C-alpha atoms as a PDB file:
ATOM      1  CA  MET A   1      98.043  70.697  84.980  1.00  0.00           C
ATOM      2  CA  THR A   2      97.469  72.097  81.694  1.00  0.00           C
ATOM      3  CA  GLU A   3      95.974  70.214  78.780  1.00  0.00           C
ATOM      4  CA  PRO A   4      97.475  69.706  75.379  1.00  0.00           C
ATOM      5  CA  GLY A   5      96.547  72.378  72.789  1.00  0.00           C
ATOM      6  CA  PRO A   6      94.865  71.562  69.488  1.00  0.00           C
ATOM      7  CA  SER A   7      98.385  70.534  68.010  1.00  0.00           C
ATOM      8  CA  GLY A   8      98.942  68.061  70.975  1.00  0.00           C
ATOM      9  CA  SER A   9     102.691  69.237  71.384  1.00  0.00           C
ATOM     10  CA  ARG A  10     102.124  72.497  73.299  1.00  0.00           C
ATOM     11  CA  PRO A  11     100.143  72.947  76.591  1.00  0.00           C
ATOM     12  CA  GLY A  12      97.068  75.070  76.203  1.00  0.00           C
ATOM     13  CA  PRO A  13      95.738  77.590  78.747  1.00  0.00           C
ATOM     14  CA  ARG A  14      94.894  76.709  82.116  1.00  0.00           C
ATOM     15  CA  ASN A  15      91.064  75.644  82.594  1.00  0.00           C
ATOM     16  CA  ALA A  16      89.443  78.322  84.616  1.00  0.00           C
ATOM     17  CA  ALA A  17      86.932  75.870  86.052  1.00  0.00           C
ATOM     18  CA  LYS A  18      89.752  73.654  87.757  1.00  0.00           C
ATOM     19  CA  PRO A  19      91.111  74.909  91.160  1.00  0.00           C
ATOM     20  CA  PRO A  20      94.942  76.019  91.131  1.00  0.00           C
ATOM     21  CA  SER A  21      97.221  73.163  91.776  1.00  0.00           C
ATOM     22  CA  GLY A  22     100.071  73.288  94.417  1.00  0.00           C
ATOM     23  CA  ALA A  23     102.299  73.128  91.524  1.00  0.00           C
ATOM     24  CA  GLU A  24     101.703  77.025  90.730  1.00  0.00           C
ATOM     25  CA  PHE A  25     102.931  77.914  94.079  1.00  0.00           C
ATOM     26  CA  ALA A  26     105.949  75.458  94.530  1.00  0.00           C
ATOM     27  CA  GLY A  27     108.609  77.934  93.468  1.00  0.00           C
ATOM     28  CA  ALA A  28     107.546  80.542  95.920  1.00  0.00           C
ATOM     29  CA  GLY A  29     109.835  79.016  98.657  1.00  0.00           C
ATOM     30  CA  LEU A  30     112.647  78.587  96.291  1.00  0.00           C
ATOM     31  CA  GLN A  31     112.165  82.177  95.154  1.00  0.00           C
ATOM     32  CA  LEU A  32     112.179  83.305  98.577  1.00  0.00           C
ATOM     33  CA  ALA A  33     115.434  81.188  99.593  1.00  0.00           C
ATOM     34  CA  PHE A  34     117.072  82.685  96.289  1.00  0.00           C
ATOM     35  CA  THR A  35     116.527  86.182  97.338  1.00  0.00           C
ATOM     36  CA  LEU A  36     117.598  85.728 100.588  1.00  0.00           C
ATOM     37  CA  VAL A  37     120.740  84.379  99.477  1.00  0.00           C
ATOM     38  CA  ALA A  38     121.537  86.813  96.719  1.00  0.00           C
ATOM     39  CA  PHE A  39     121.048  89.542  99.306  1.00  0.00           C
ATOM     40  CA  MET A  40     123.251  87.810 101.829  1.00  0.00           C
ATOM     41  CA  PHE A  41     125.975  87.712  99.227  1.00  0.00           C
ATOM     42  CA  LEU A  42     125.476  91.226  98.380  1.00  0.00           C
ATOM     43  CA  GLY A  43     125.912  92.239 101.950  1.00  0.00           C
ATOM     44  CA  ILE A  44     129.029  90.189 102.517  1.00  0.00           C
ATOM     45  CA  TRP A  45     130.637  91.693  99.491  1.00  0.00           C
ATOM     46  CA  LEU A  46     129.687  95.236 100.641  1.00  0.00           C
ATOM     47  CA  ASP A  47     130.937  94.558 103.929  1.00  0.00           C
ATOM     48  CA  LYS A  48     134.299  93.219 102.697  1.00  0.00           C
ATOM     49  CA  ARG A  49     134.599  96.259 100.456  1.00  0.00           C
ATOM     50  CA  LEU A  50     133.714  98.841 102.929  1.00  0.00           C
ATOM     51  CA  GLY A  51     134.966  96.994 106.055  1.00  0.00           C
ATOM     52  CA  SER A  52     131.526  97.426 108.021  1.00  0.00           C
ATOM     53  CA  SER A  53     131.249  93.941 108.999  1.00  0.00           C
ATOM     54  CA  PRO A  54     128.431  92.765 110.043  1.00  0.00           C
ATOM     55  CA  TRP A  55     126.025  95.813 109.287  1.00  0.00           C
ATOM     56  CA  PHE A  56     125.494  95.382 105.588  1.00  0.00           C
ATOM     57  CA  VAL A  57     125.011  91.623 105.757  1.00  0.00           C
ATOM     58  CA  LEU A  58     122.159  92.343 108.440  1.00  0.00           C
ATOM     59  CA  ILE A  59     120.481  95.171 106.242  1.00  0.00           C
ATOM     60  CA  CYS A  60     120.548  93.038 103.077  1.00  0.00           C
ATOM     61  CA  VAL A  61     119.229  89.954 104.689  1.00  0.00           C
ATOM     62  CA  PHE A  62     116.156  91.983 105.990  1.00  0.00           C
ATOM     63  CA  VAL A  63     115.561  93.668 102.871  1.00  0.00           C
ATOM     64  CA  GLY A  64     115.888  90.285 100.835  1.00  0.00           C
ATOM     65  CA  ALA A  65     113.372  88.812 103.244  1.00  0.00           C
ATOM     66  CA  GLY A  66     110.997  91.787 102.693  1.00  0.00           C
ATOM     67  CA  ALA A  67     111.404  91.595  99.078  1.00  0.00           C
ATOM     68  CA  GLY A  68     110.870  87.707  98.925  1.00  0.00           C
ATOM     69  CA  PHE A  69     107.807  87.769 101.039  1.00  0.00           C
ATOM     70  CA  TYR A  70     106.357  90.858  99.098  1.00  0.00           C
ATOM     71  CA  SER A  71     106.865  88.853  95.868  1.00  0.00           C
ATOM     72  CA  ILE A  72     105.111  85.853  97.619  1.00  0.00           C
ATOM     73  CA  TYR A  73     102.133  88.244  98.545  1.00  0.00           C
ATOM     74  CA  ARG A  74     101.827  89.476  95.143  1.00  0.00           C
ATOM     75  CA  ARG A  75     101.673  86.164  93.705  1.00  0.00           C
ATOM     76  CA  LEU A  76      99.111  84.967  96.199  1.00  0.00           C
ATOM     77  CA  MET A  77      97.013  88.123  95.687  1.00  0.00           C
ATOM     78  CA  GLY A  78      97.191  87.703  91.880  1.00  0.00           C
ATOM     79  CA  SER A  79      95.961  83.936  92.112  1.00  0.00           C
ATOM     80  CA  THR A  80      93.120  85.299  94.518  1.00  0.00           C
ATOM     81  CA  LYS A  81      91.940  87.884  92.023  1.00  0.00           C
ATOM     82  CA  ARG A  82      92.118  85.435  88.961  1.00  0.00           C
ATOM     83  CA  ASP A  83      90.036  82.976  91.039  1.00  0.00           C
ATOM     84  CA  ALA A  84      87.367  85.705  91.967  1.00  0.00           C
ATOM     85  CA  SER A  85      87.180  86.954  88.483  1.00  0.00           C
ATOM     86  CA  ALA A  86      86.567  83.287  87.218  1.00  0.00           C
ATOM     87  CA  GLY A  87      83.777  82.884  89.844  1.00  0.00           C
ATOM     88  CA  ARG A  88      85.512  80.351  92.000  1.00  0.00           C
ATOM     89  CA  PRO A  89      85.129  80.375  95.872  1.00  0.00           C
ATOM     90  CA  ARG A  90      88.292  80.826  97.701  1.00  0.00           C
END
């Protein structure tokens, strides 16, 4: 959780001494789900447009899953690097 800034109205930067909260990663599952659904609808649209059912749906779902997992991986590795640079144990 962030603490109020000097004016009391806007939150200041996160304290580096505090461990990261679960709220930092709460959106990761929603991001993965949104990516999968968006790629699925893209695949459905392509299949209807090109008449190649179900191939583009399958391809797009796997690409969406890969993109979603890669995004989560980048977020987790960024947090790990921030923690290491702040001197906190993992």
